[in-house]
Amino acid sequence: ELEALRLKNVKNLDQIECAKLMETSQSTFQRILSSAYNK
C-alpha cells in the first residue's frame, strides 16, 4: 500500500504505469491504492 501511494502521489505516475512497476493488474493496483487511501 505504501508503494502504491509513493508511485501514484510522489512519482505522479498514472495507474497503468504504477501497475506495471508493481507487476500487478490495473484493477489490483486500484484496490491496493483504495485500501491505502481508506486507511
PDB file of all heavy atoms in Angstrom:
ATOM      1  N   GLU A   1       0.834  -1.205   0.000  1.00  0.00           N
ATOM      2  CA  GLU A   1       0.000   0.000   0.000  1.00  0.00           C
ATOM      3  C   GLU A   1       0.869   1.257   0.000  1.00  0.00           C
ATOM      4  O   GLU A   1       0.575   2.226  -0.716  1.00  0.00           O
ATOM      5  CB  GLU A   1      -0.935  -0.002   1.206  1.00  0.00           C
ATOM      6  CG  GLU A   1      -2.017  -1.054   1.125  1.00  0.00           C
ATOM      7  CD  GLU A   1      -2.740  -1.300   2.421  1.00  0.00           C
ATOM      8  OE1 GLU A   1      -2.134  -1.110   3.509  1.00  0.00           O
ATOM      9  OE2 GLU A   1      -3.921  -1.692   2.352  1.00  0.00           O
ATOM     10  N   LEU A   2       1.930   1.247   0.766  1.00  0.00           N
ATOM     11  CA  LEU A   2       2.847   2.382   0.807  1.00  0.00           C
ATOM     12  C   LEU A   2       3.490   2.608  -0.560  1.00  0.00           C
ATOM     13  O   LEU A   2       3.598   3.744  -1.029  1.00  0.00           O
ATOM     14  CB  LEU A   2       3.924   2.155   1.874  1.00  0.00           C
ATOM     15  CG  LEU A   2       4.922   3.283   2.076  1.00  0.00           C
ATOM     16  CD1 LEU A   2       4.226   4.552   2.552  1.00  0.00           C
ATOM     17  CD2 LEU A   2       5.997   2.861   3.063  1.00  0.00           C
ATOM     18  N   GLU A   3       3.885   1.534  -1.221  1.00  0.00           N
ATOM     19  CA  GLU A   3       4.490   1.655  -2.549  1.00  0.00           C
ATOM     20  C   GLU A   3       3.479   2.194  -3.562  1.00  0.00           C
ATOM     21  O   GLU A   3       3.829   3.028  -4.407  1.00  0.00           O
ATOM     22  CB  GLU A   3       5.027   0.299  -3.015  1.00  0.00           C
ATOM     23  CG  GLU A   3       5.651   0.302  -4.392  1.00  0.00           C
ATOM     24  CD  GLU A   3       6.914   1.153  -4.530  1.00  0.00           C
ATOM     25  OE1 GLU A   3       7.378   1.767  -3.543  1.00  0.00           O
ATOM     26  OE2 GLU A   3       7.448   1.206  -5.649  1.00  0.00           O
ATOM     27  N   ALA A   4       2.238   1.761  -3.466  1.00  0.00           N
ATOM     28  CA  ALA A   4       1.199   2.282  -4.357  1.00  0.00           C
ATOM     29  C   ALA A   4       1.029   3.788  -4.161  1.00  0.00           C
ATOM     30  O   ALA A   4       0.942   4.549  -5.136  1.00  0.00           O
ATOM     31  CB  ALA A   4      -0.115   1.552  -4.122  1.00  0.00           C
ATOM     32  N   LEU A   5       0.996   4.230  -2.923  1.00  0.00           N
ATOM     33  CA  LEU A   5       0.897   5.659  -2.629  1.00  0.00           C
ATOM     34  C   LEU A   5       2.103   6.424  -3.162  1.00  0.00           C
ATOM     35  O   LEU A   5       1.963   7.512  -3.725  1.00  0.00           O
ATOM     36  CB  LEU A   5       0.761   5.877  -1.117  1.00  0.00           C
ATOM     37  CG  LEU A   5      -0.557   5.466  -0.486  1.00  0.00           C
ATOM     38  CD1 LEU A   5      -0.428   5.443   1.027  1.00  0.00           C
ATOM     39  CD2 LEU A   5      -1.677   6.387  -0.930  1.00  0.00           C
ATOM     40  N   ARG A   6       3.277   5.858  -2.980  1.00  0.00           N
ATOM     41  CA  ARG A   6       4.506   6.518  -3.450  1.00  0.00           C
ATOM     42  C   ARG A   6       4.501   6.692  -4.965  1.00  0.00           C
ATOM     43  O   ARG A   6       4.769   7.790  -5.474  1.00  0.00           O
ATOM     44  CB  ARG A   6       5.737   5.707  -3.029  1.00  0.00           C
ATOM     45  CG  ARG A   6       7.072   6.370  -3.383  1.00  0.00           C
ATOM     46  CD  ARG A   6       8.247   5.466  -3.031  1.00  0.00           C
ATOM     47  NE  ARG A   6       8.394   4.381  -3.985  1.00  0.00           N
ATOM     48  CZ  ARG A   6       8.981   4.498  -5.189  1.00  0.00           C
ATOM     49  NH1 ARG A   6       9.474   5.656  -5.571  1.00  0.00           N
ATOM     50  NH2 ARG A   6       9.076   3.462  -5.990  1.00  0.00           N
ATOM     51  N   LEU A   7       4.175   5.618  -5.660  1.00  0.00           N
ATOM     52  CA  LEU A   7       4.185   5.690  -7.120  1.00  0.00           C
ATOM     53  C   LEU A   7       3.134   6.660  -7.646  1.00  0.00           C
ATOM     54  O   LEU A   7       3.409   7.460  -8.549  1.00  0.00           O
ATOM     55  CB  LEU A   7       3.960   4.301  -7.715  1.00  0.00           C
ATOM     56  CG  LEU A   7       5.078   3.289  -7.497  1.00  0.00           C
ATOM     57  CD1 LEU A   7       4.656   1.912  -7.990  1.00  0.00           C
ATOM     58  CD2 LEU A   7       6.367   3.737  -8.170  1.00  0.00           C
ATOM     59  N   LYS A   8       1.938   6.609  -7.095  1.00  0.00           N
ATOM     60  CA  LYS A   8       0.838   7.442  -7.582  1.00  0.00           C
ATOM     61  C   LYS A   8       0.974   8.892  -7.167  1.00  0.00           C
ATOM     62  O   LYS A   8       0.789   9.798  -7.980  1.00  0.00           O
ATOM     63  CB  LYS A   8      -0.496   6.872  -7.076  1.00  0.00           C
ATOM     64  CG  LYS A   8      -1.699   7.623  -7.554  1.00  0.00           C
ATOM     65  CD  LYS A   8      -1.897   7.440  -9.040  1.00  0.00           C
ATOM     66  CE  LYS A   8      -3.167   8.168  -9.479  1.00  0.00           C
ATOM     67  NZ  LYS A   8      -2.998   8.765 -10.785  1.00  0.00           N
ATOM     68  N   ASN A   9       1.309   9.146  -5.909  1.00  0.00           N
ATOM     69  CA  ASN A   9       1.263  10.510  -5.380  1.00  0.00           C
ATOM     70  C   ASN A   9       2.603  11.226  -5.323  1.00  0.00           C
ATOM     71  O   ASN A   9       2.643  12.444  -5.417  1.00  0.00           O
ATOM     72  CB  ASN A   9       0.621  10.511  -3.990  1.00  0.00           C
ATOM     73  CG  ASN A   9      -0.795  10.001  -4.037  1.00  0.00           C
ATOM     74  OD1 ASN A   9      -1.608  10.498  -4.784  1.00  0.00           O
ATOM     75  ND2 ASN A   9      -1.088   8.978  -3.262  1.00  0.00           N
ATOM     76  N   VAL A  10       3.687  10.495  -5.141  1.00  0.00           N
ATOM     77  CA  VAL A  10       5.005  11.130  -5.072  1.00  0.00           C
ATOM     78  C   VAL A  10       5.647  11.165  -6.460  1.00  0.00           C
ATOM     79  O   VAL A  10       6.148  12.197  -6.897  1.00  0.00           O
ATOM     80  CB  VAL A  10       5.917  10.400  -4.052  1.00  0.00           C
ATOM     81  CG1 VAL A  10       7.303  10.998  -4.041  1.00  0.00           C
ATOM     82  CG2 VAL A  10       5.294  10.451  -2.660  1.00  0.00           C
ATOM     83  N   LYS A  11       5.586  10.038  -7.154  1.00  0.00           N
ATOM     84  CA  LYS A  11       6.153   9.968  -8.507  1.00  0.00           C
ATOM     85  C   LYS A  11       5.191  10.515  -9.568  1.00  0.00           C
ATOM     86  O   LYS A  11       5.590  10.718 -10.711  1.00  0.00           O
ATOM     87  CB  LYS A  11       6.513   8.527  -8.863  1.00  0.00           C
ATOM     88  CG  LYS A  11       7.629   7.934  -8.033  1.00  0.00           C
ATOM     89  CD  LYS A  11       8.935   8.502  -8.477  1.00  0.00           C
ATOM     90  CE  LYS A  11      10.082   7.617  -8.005  1.00  0.00           C
ATOM     91  NZ  LYS A  11      11.329   8.038  -8.632  1.00  0.00           N
ATOM     92  N   ASN A  12       3.920  10.694  -9.191  1.00  0.00           N
ATOM     93  CA  ASN A  12       2.893  11.221 -10.097  1.00  0.00           C
ATOM     94  C   ASN A  12       2.727  10.393 -11.366  1.00  0.00           C
ATOM     95  O   ASN A  12       2.540  10.930 -12.455  1.00  0.00           O
ATOM     96  CB  ASN A  12       3.171  12.687 -10.453  1.00  0.00           C
ATOM     97  CG  ASN A  12       3.056  13.589  -9.259  1.00  0.00           C
ATOM     98  OD1 ASN A  12       2.115  13.474  -8.484  1.00  0.00           O
ATOM     99  ND2 ASN A  12       4.026  14.457  -9.075  1.00  0.00           N
ATOM    100  N   LEU A  13       2.778   9.074 -11.221  1.00  0.00           N
ATOM    101  CA  LEU A  13       2.598   8.185 -12.365  1.00  0.00           C
ATOM    102  C   LEU A  13       1.116   7.859 -12.527  1.00  0.00           C
ATOM    103  O   LEU A  13       0.352   7.904 -11.560  1.00  0.00           O
ATOM    104  CB  LEU A  13       3.389   6.893 -12.148  1.00  0.00           C
ATOM    105  CG  LEU A  13       4.895   7.050 -11.958  1.00  0.00           C
ATOM    106  CD1 LEU A  13       5.529   5.707 -11.643  1.00  0.00           C
ATOM    107  CD2 LEU A  13       5.532   7.678 -13.184  1.00  0.00           C
ATOM    108  N   ASP A  14       0.716   7.508 -13.757  1.00  0.00           N
ATOM    109  CA  ASP A  14      -0.669   7.074 -13.932  1.00  0.00           C
ATOM    110  C   ASP A  14      -0.803   5.632 -13.455  1.00  0.00           C
ATOM    111  O   ASP A  14       0.180   4.932 -13.236  1.00  0.00           O
ATOM    112  CB  ASP A  14      -1.147   7.251 -15.372  1.00  0.00           C
ATOM    113  CG  ASP A  14      -0.400   6.402 -16.384  1.00  0.00           C
ATOM    114  OD1 ASP A  14      -0.026   5.254 -16.064  1.00  0.00           O
ATOM    115  OD2 ASP A  14      -0.212   6.871 -17.518  1.00  0.00           O
ATOM    116  N   GLN A  15      -2.039   5.198 -13.283  1.00  0.00           N
ATOM    117  CA  GLN A  15      -2.285   3.882 -12.696  1.00  0.00           C
ATOM    118  C   GLN A  15      -1.754   2.746 -13.554  1.00  0.00           C
ATOM    119  O   GLN A  15      -1.322   1.726 -13.017  1.00  0.00           O
ATOM    120  CB  GLN A  15      -3.769   3.699 -12.417  1.00  0.00           C
ATOM    121  CG  GLN A  15      -4.232   4.515 -11.241  1.00  0.00           C
ATOM    122  CD  GLN A  15      -5.633   4.137 -10.803  1.00  0.00           C
ATOM    123  OE1 GLN A  15      -6.173   3.124 -11.211  1.00  0.00           O
ATOM    124  NE2 GLN A  15      -6.214   4.954  -9.959  1.00  0.00           N
ATOM    125  N   ILE A  16      -1.765   2.907 -14.848  1.00  0.00           N
ATOM    126  CA  ILE A  16      -1.251   1.851 -15.728  1.00  0.00           C
ATOM    127  C   ILE A  16       0.240   1.653 -15.479  1.00  0.00           C
ATOM    128  O   ILE A  16       0.710   0.520 -15.333  1.00  0.00           O
ATOM    129  CB  ILE A  16      -1.535   2.187 -17.207  1.00  0.00           C
ATOM    130  CG1 ILE A  16      -3.047   2.191 -17.454  1.00  0.00           C
ATOM    131  CG2 ILE A  16      -0.823   1.216 -18.133  1.00  0.00           C
ATOM    132  CD1 ILE A  16      -3.462   2.742 -18.803  1.00  0.00           C
ATOM    133  N   GLU A  17       0.981   2.748 -15.411  1.00  0.00           N
ATOM    134  CA  GLU A  17       2.425   2.658 -15.166  1.00  0.00           C
ATOM    135  C   GLU A  17       2.705   2.125 -13.758  1.00  0.00           C
ATOM    136  O   GLU A  17       3.601   1.309 -13.560  1.00  0.00           O
ATOM    137  CB  GLU A  17       3.086   4.031 -15.351  1.00  0.00           C
ATOM    138  CG  GLU A  17       4.592   3.990 -15.278  1.00  0.00           C
ATOM    139  CD  GLU A  17       5.239   3.168 -16.376  1.00  0.00           C
ATOM    140  OE1 GLU A  17       4.642   3.004 -17.450  1.00  0.00           O
ATOM    141  OE2 GLU A  17       6.363   2.672 -16.153  1.00  0.00           O
ATOM    142  N   CYS A  18       1.934   2.572 -12.781  1.00  0.00           N
ATOM    143  CA  CYS A  18       2.097   2.079 -11.408  1.00  0.00           C
ATOM    144  C   CYS A  18       1.888   0.572 -11.354  1.00  0.00           C
ATOM    145  O   CYS A  18       2.663  -0.146 -10.723  1.00  0.00           O
ATOM    146  CB  CYS A  18       1.095   2.766 -10.477  1.00  0.00           C
ATOM    147  SG  CYS A  18       1.359   4.521 -10.226  1.00  0.00           S
ATOM    148  N   ALA A  19       0.838   0.106 -12.002  1.00  0.00           N
ATOM    149  CA  ALA A  19       0.532  -1.326 -12.008  1.00  0.00           C
ATOM    150  C   ALA A  19       1.671  -2.122 -12.649  1.00  0.00           C
ATOM    151  O   ALA A  19       2.067  -3.176 -12.137  1.00  0.00           O
ATOM    152  CB  ALA A  19      -0.772  -1.585 -12.743  1.00  0.00           C
ATOM    153  N   LYS A  20       2.223  -1.601 -13.737  1.00  0.00           N
ATOM    154  CA  LYS A  20       3.349  -2.280 -14.393  1.00  0.00           C
ATOM    155  C   LYS A  20       4.551  -2.371 -13.455  1.00  0.00           C
ATOM    156  O   LYS A  20       5.184  -3.421 -13.345  1.00  0.00           O
ATOM    157  CB  LYS A  20       3.750  -1.544 -15.667  1.00  0.00           C
ATOM    158  CG  LYS A  20       2.797  -1.727 -16.810  1.00  0.00           C
ATOM    159  CD  LYS A  20       3.262  -0.951 -18.030  1.00  0.00           C
ATOM    160  CE  LYS A  20       2.225  -1.007 -19.127  1.00  0.00           C
ATOM    161  NZ  LYS A  20       2.610  -0.168 -20.278  1.00  0.00           N
ATOM    162  N   LEU A  21       4.861  -1.265 -12.791  1.00  0.00           N
ATOM    163  CA  LEU A  21       6.012  -1.251 -11.886  1.00  0.00           C
ATOM    164  C   LEU A  21       5.821  -2.176 -10.691  1.00  0.00           C
ATOM    165  O   LEU A  21       6.780  -2.740 -10.175  1.00  0.00           O
ATOM    166  CB  LEU A  21       6.299   0.173 -11.409  1.00  0.00           C
ATOM    167  CG  LEU A  21       6.851   1.116 -12.477  1.00  0.00           C
ATOM    168  CD1 LEU A  21       6.882   2.545 -11.962  1.00  0.00           C
ATOM    169  CD2 LEU A  21       8.230   0.674 -12.940  1.00  0.00           C
ATOM    170  N   MET A  22       4.577  -2.346 -10.264  1.00  0.00           N
ATOM    171  CA  MET A  22       4.289  -3.235  -9.137  1.00  0.00           C
ATOM    172  C   MET A  22       4.001  -4.662  -9.608  1.00  0.00           C
ATOM    173  O   MET A  22       3.730  -5.538  -8.793  1.00  0.00           O
ATOM    174  CB  MET A  22       3.114  -2.694  -8.314  1.00  0.00           C
ATOM    175  CG  MET A  22       3.488  -1.444  -7.534  1.00  0.00           C
ATOM    176  SD  MET A  22       2.175  -0.859  -6.444  1.00  0.00           S
ATOM    177  CE  MET A  22       2.055  -2.211  -5.280  1.00  0.00           C
ATOM    178  N   GLU A  23       4.067  -4.857 -10.922  1.00  0.00           N
ATOM    179  CA  GLU A  23       3.845  -6.178 -11.526  1.00  0.00           C
ATOM    180  C   GLU A  23       2.498  -6.763 -11.118  1.00  0.00           C
ATOM    181  O   GLU A  23       2.398  -7.899 -10.649  1.00  0.00           O
ATOM    182  CB  GLU A  23       4.988  -7.123 -11.194  1.00  0.00           C
ATOM    183  CG  GLU A  23       6.322  -6.640 -11.720  1.00  0.00           C
ATOM    184  CD  GLU A  23       7.483  -7.543 -11.366  1.00  0.00           C
ATOM    185  OE1 GLU A  23       7.319  -8.472 -10.550  1.00  0.00           O
ATOM    186  OE2 GLU A  23       8.577  -7.318 -11.912  1.00  0.00           O
ATOM    187  N   THR A  24       1.461  -5.947 -11.308  1.00  0.00           N
ATOM    188  CA  THR A  24       0.097  -6.357 -10.993  1.00  0.00           C
ATOM    189  C   THR A  24      -0.843  -5.790 -12.052  1.00  0.00           C
ATOM    190  O   THR A  24      -0.441  -4.972 -12.871  1.00  0.00           O
ATOM    191  CB  THR A  24      -0.300  -5.879  -9.575  1.00  0.00           C
ATOM    192  OG1 THR A  24      -1.512  -6.482  -9.205  1.00  0.00           O
ATOM    193  CG2 THR A  24      -0.400  -4.389  -9.468  1.00  0.00           C
ATOM    194  N   SER A  25      -2.076  -6.218 -12.016  1.00  0.00           N
ATOM    195  CA  SER A  25      -3.054  -5.669 -12.953  1.00  0.00           C
ATOM    196  C   SER A  25      -3.481  -4.277 -12.484  1.00  0.00           C
ATOM    197  O   SER A  25      -3.315  -3.922 -11.311  1.00  0.00           O
ATOM    198  CB  SER A  25      -4.273  -6.587 -13.044  1.00  0.00           C
ATOM    199  OG  SER A  25      -4.999  -6.557 -11.827  1.00  0.00           O
ATOM    200  N   GLN A  26      -4.056  -3.520 -13.409  1.00  0.00           N
ATOM    201  CA  GLN A  26      -4.507  -2.186 -13.052  1.00  0.00           C
ATOM    202  C   GLN A  26      -5.633  -2.246 -12.024  1.00  0.00           C
ATOM    203  O   GLN A  26      -5.687  -1.423 -11.105  1.00  0.00           O
ATOM    204  CB  GLN A  26      -4.973  -1.428 -14.295  1.00  0.00           C
ATOM    205  CG  GLN A  26      -5.324   0.018 -14.015  1.00  0.00           C
ATOM    206  CD  GLN A  26      -5.747   0.772 -15.256  1.00  0.00           C
ATOM    207  OE1 GLN A  26      -5.682   0.259 -16.360  1.00  0.00           O
ATOM    208  NE2 GLN A  26      -6.188   1.994 -15.075  1.00  0.00           N
ATOM    209  N   SER A  27      -6.513  -3.226 -12.146  1.00  0.00           N
ATOM    210  CA  SER A  27      -7.613  -3.331 -11.175  1.00  0.00           C
ATOM    211  C   SER A  27      -7.097  -3.694  -9.782  1.00  0.00           C
ATOM    212  O   SER A  27      -7.595  -3.179  -8.771  1.00  0.00           O
ATOM    213  CB  SER A  27      -8.662  -4.341 -11.643  1.00  0.00           C
ATOM    214  OG  SER A  27      -8.103  -5.618 -11.790  1.00  0.00           O
ATOM    215  N   THR A  28      -6.090  -4.553  -9.714  1.00  0.00           N
ATOM    216  CA  THR A  28      -5.493  -4.895  -8.418  1.00  0.00           C
ATOM    217  C   THR A  28      -4.782  -3.681  -7.830  1.00  0.00           C
ATOM    218  O   THR A  28      -4.901  -3.394  -6.635  1.00  0.00           O
ATOM    219  CB  THR A  28      -4.522  -6.079  -8.551  1.00  0.00           C
ATOM    220  OG1 THR A  28      -5.254  -7.210  -9.004  1.00  0.00           O
ATOM    221  CG2 THR A  28      -3.840  -6.399  -7.230  1.00  0.00           C
ATOM    222  N   PHE A  29      -4.074  -2.941  -8.677  1.00  0.00           N
ATOM    223  CA  PHE A  29      -3.417  -1.727  -8.202  1.00  0.00           C
ATOM    224  C   PHE A  29      -4.454  -0.767  -7.626  1.00  0.00           C
ATOM    225  O   PHE A  29      -4.248  -0.184  -6.556  1.00  0.00           O
ATOM    226  CB  PHE A  29      -2.622  -1.038  -9.314  1.00  0.00           C
ATOM    227  CG  PHE A  29      -2.034   0.264  -8.863  1.00  0.00           C
ATOM    228  CD1 PHE A  29      -0.868   0.282  -8.112  1.00  0.00           C
ATOM    229  CD2 PHE A  29      -2.673   1.465  -9.127  1.00  0.00           C
ATOM    230  CE1 PHE A  29      -0.343   1.478  -7.642  1.00  0.00           C
ATOM    231  CE2 PHE A  29      -2.156   2.661  -8.668  1.00  0.00           C
ATOM    232  CZ  PHE A  29      -0.992   2.672  -7.926  1.00  0.00           C
ATOM    233  N   GLN A  30      -5.580  -0.607  -8.312  1.00  0.00           N
ATOM    234  CA  GLN A  30      -6.638   0.287  -7.838  1.00  0.00           C
ATOM    235  C   GLN A  30      -7.159  -0.155  -6.473  1.00  0.00           C
ATOM    236  O   GLN A  30      -7.403   0.670  -5.595  1.00  0.00           O
ATOM    237  CB  GLN A  30      -7.786   0.357  -8.846  1.00  0.00           C
ATOM    238  CG  GLN A  30      -8.958   1.199  -8.389  1.00  0.00           C
ATOM    239  CD  GLN A  30      -8.593   2.639  -8.100  1.00  0.00           C
ATOM    240  OE1 GLN A  30      -7.835   3.243  -8.842  1.00  0.00           O
ATOM    241  NE2 GLN A  30      -9.118   3.187  -7.013  1.00  0.00           N
ATOM    242  N   ARG A  31      -7.322  -1.464  -6.285  1.00  0.00           N
ATOM    243  CA  ARG A  31      -7.796  -1.968  -4.982  1.00  0.00           C
ATOM    244  C   ARG A  31      -6.770  -1.681  -3.889  1.00  0.00           C
ATOM    245  O   ARG A  31      -7.134  -1.293  -2.770  1.00  0.00           O
ATOM    246  CB  ARG A  31      -8.086  -3.460  -5.066  1.00  0.00           C
ATOM    247  CG  ARG A  31      -9.412  -3.776  -5.740  1.00  0.00           C
ATOM    248  CD  ARG A  31      -9.807  -5.231  -5.568  1.00  0.00           C
ATOM    249  NE  ARG A  31      -8.933  -6.174  -6.260  1.00  0.00           N
ATOM    250  CZ  ARG A  31      -9.038  -6.500  -7.547  1.00  0.00           C
ATOM    251  NH1 ARG A  31      -9.960  -5.948  -8.298  1.00  0.00           N
ATOM    252  NH2 ARG A  31      -8.206  -7.363  -8.086  1.00  0.00           N
ATOM    253  N   ILE A  32      -5.492  -1.879  -4.182  1.00  0.00           N
ATOM    254  CA  ILE A  32      -4.426  -1.594  -3.210  1.00  0.00           C
ATOM    255  C   ILE A  32      -4.427  -0.116  -2.852  1.00  0.00           C
ATOM    256  O   ILE A  32      -4.366   0.269  -1.674  1.00  0.00           O
ATOM    257  CB  ILE A  32      -3.050  -2.020  -3.760  1.00  0.00           C
ATOM    258  CG1 ILE A  32      -2.984  -3.533  -3.949  1.00  0.00           C
ATOM    259  CG2 ILE A  32      -1.920  -1.539  -2.852  1.00  0.00           C
ATOM    260  CD1 ILE A  32      -1.815  -4.000  -4.806  1.00  0.00           C
ATOM    261  N   LEU A  33      -4.506   0.738  -3.856  1.00  0.00           N
ATOM    262  CA  LEU A  33      -4.492   2.183  -3.641  1.00  0.00           C
ATOM    263  C   LEU A  33      -5.728   2.634  -2.852  1.00  0.00           C
ATOM    264  O   LEU A  33      -5.606   3.436  -1.921  1.00  0.00           O
ATOM    265  CB  LEU A  33      -4.423   2.902  -4.994  1.00  0.00           C
ATOM    266  CG  LEU A  33      -4.203   4.402  -4.968  1.00  0.00           C
ATOM    267  CD1 LEU A  33      -2.861   4.750  -4.305  1.00  0.00           C
ATOM    268  CD2 LEU A  33      -4.259   4.958  -6.380  1.00  0.00           C
ATOM    269  N   SER A  34      -6.878   2.104  -3.192  1.00  0.00           N
ATOM    270  CA  SER A  34      -8.107   2.455  -2.471  1.00  0.00           C
ATOM    271  C   SER A  34      -8.021   2.054  -1.002  1.00  0.00           C
ATOM    272  O   SER A  34      -8.452   2.801  -0.116  1.00  0.00           O
ATOM    273  CB  SER A  34      -9.320   1.782  -3.110  1.00  0.00           C
ATOM    274  OG  SER A  34      -9.569   2.330  -4.376  1.00  0.00           O
ATOM    275  N   SER A  35      -7.460   0.887  -0.748  1.00  0.00           N
ATOM    276  CA  SER A  35      -7.285   0.426   0.627  1.00  0.00           C
ATOM    277  C   SER A  35      -6.359   1.374   1.389  1.00  0.00           C
ATOM    278  O   SER A  35      -6.631   1.750   2.535  1.00  0.00           O
ATOM    279  CB  SER A  35      -6.718  -0.995   0.636  1.00  0.00           C
ATOM    280  OG  SER A  35      -6.440  -1.409   1.952  1.00  0.00           O
ATOM    281  N   ALA A  36      -5.279   1.796   0.750  1.00  0.00           N
ATOM    282  CA  ALA A  36      -4.331   2.711   1.389  1.00  0.00           C
ATOM    283  C   ALA A  36      -4.988   4.058   1.685  1.00  0.00           C
ATOM    284  O   ALA A  36      -4.841   4.602   2.783  1.00  0.00           O
ATOM    285  CB  ALA A  36      -3.109   2.907   0.498  1.00  0.00           C
ATOM    286  N   TYR A  37      -5.730   4.596   0.717  1.00  0.00           N
ATOM    287  CA  TYR A  37      -6.426   5.867   0.924  1.00  0.00           C
ATOM    288  C   TYR A  37      -7.418   5.762   2.076  1.00  0.00           C
ATOM    289  O   TYR A  37      -7.526   6.661   2.907  1.00  0.00           O
ATOM    290  CB  TYR A  37      -7.171   6.301  -0.336  1.00  0.00           C
ATOM    291  CG  TYR A  37      -6.313   6.870  -1.441  1.00  0.00           C
ATOM    292  CD1 TYR A  37      -6.683   6.704  -2.772  1.00  0.00           C
ATOM    293  CD2 TYR A  37      -5.155   7.590  -1.170  1.00  0.00           C
ATOM    294  CE1 TYR A  37      -5.931   7.227  -3.796  1.00  0.00           C
ATOM    295  CE2 TYR A  37      -4.383   8.113  -2.192  1.00  0.00           C
ATOM    296  CZ  TYR A  37      -4.773   7.938  -3.507  1.00  0.00           C
ATOM    297  OH  TYR A  37      -4.018   8.456  -4.522  1.00  0.00           O
ATOM    298  N   ASN A  38      -8.145   4.666   2.115  1.00  0.00           N
ATOM    299  CA  ASN A  38      -9.124   4.457   3.173  1.00  0.00           C
ATOM    300  C   ASN A  38      -8.454   4.437   4.542  1.00  0.00           C
ATOM    301  O   ASN A  38      -8.915   5.088   5.493  1.00  0.00           O
ATOM    302  CB  ASN A  38      -9.894   3.162   2.923  1.00  0.00           C
ATOM    303  CG  ASN A  38     -10.969   2.926   3.941  1.00  0.00           C
ATOM    304  OD1 ASN A  38     -10.692   2.419   5.029  1.00  0.00           O
ATOM    305  ND2 ASN A  38     -12.195   3.290   3.604  1.00  0.00           N
ATOM    306  N   LYS A  39      -7.376   3.682   4.655  1.00  0.00           N
ATOM    307  CA  LYS A  39      -6.671   3.576   5.937  1.00  0.00           C
ATOM    308  C   LYS A  39      -6.099   4.916   6.383  1.00  0.00           C
ATOM    309  O   LYS A  39      -6.211   5.299   7.558  1.00  0.00           O
ATOM    310  CB  LYS A  39      -5.554   2.541   5.839  1.00  0.00           C
ATOM    311  CG  LYS A  39      -6.063   1.121   5.750  1.00  0.00           C
ATOM    312  CD  LYS A  39      -4.918   0.148   5.583  1.00  0.00           C
ATOM    313  CE  LYS A  39      -5.394  -1.284   5.499  1.00  0.00           C
ATOM    314  NZ  LYS A  39      -4.259  -2.220   5.376  1.00  0.00           N
TER     315      LYS A  39
END
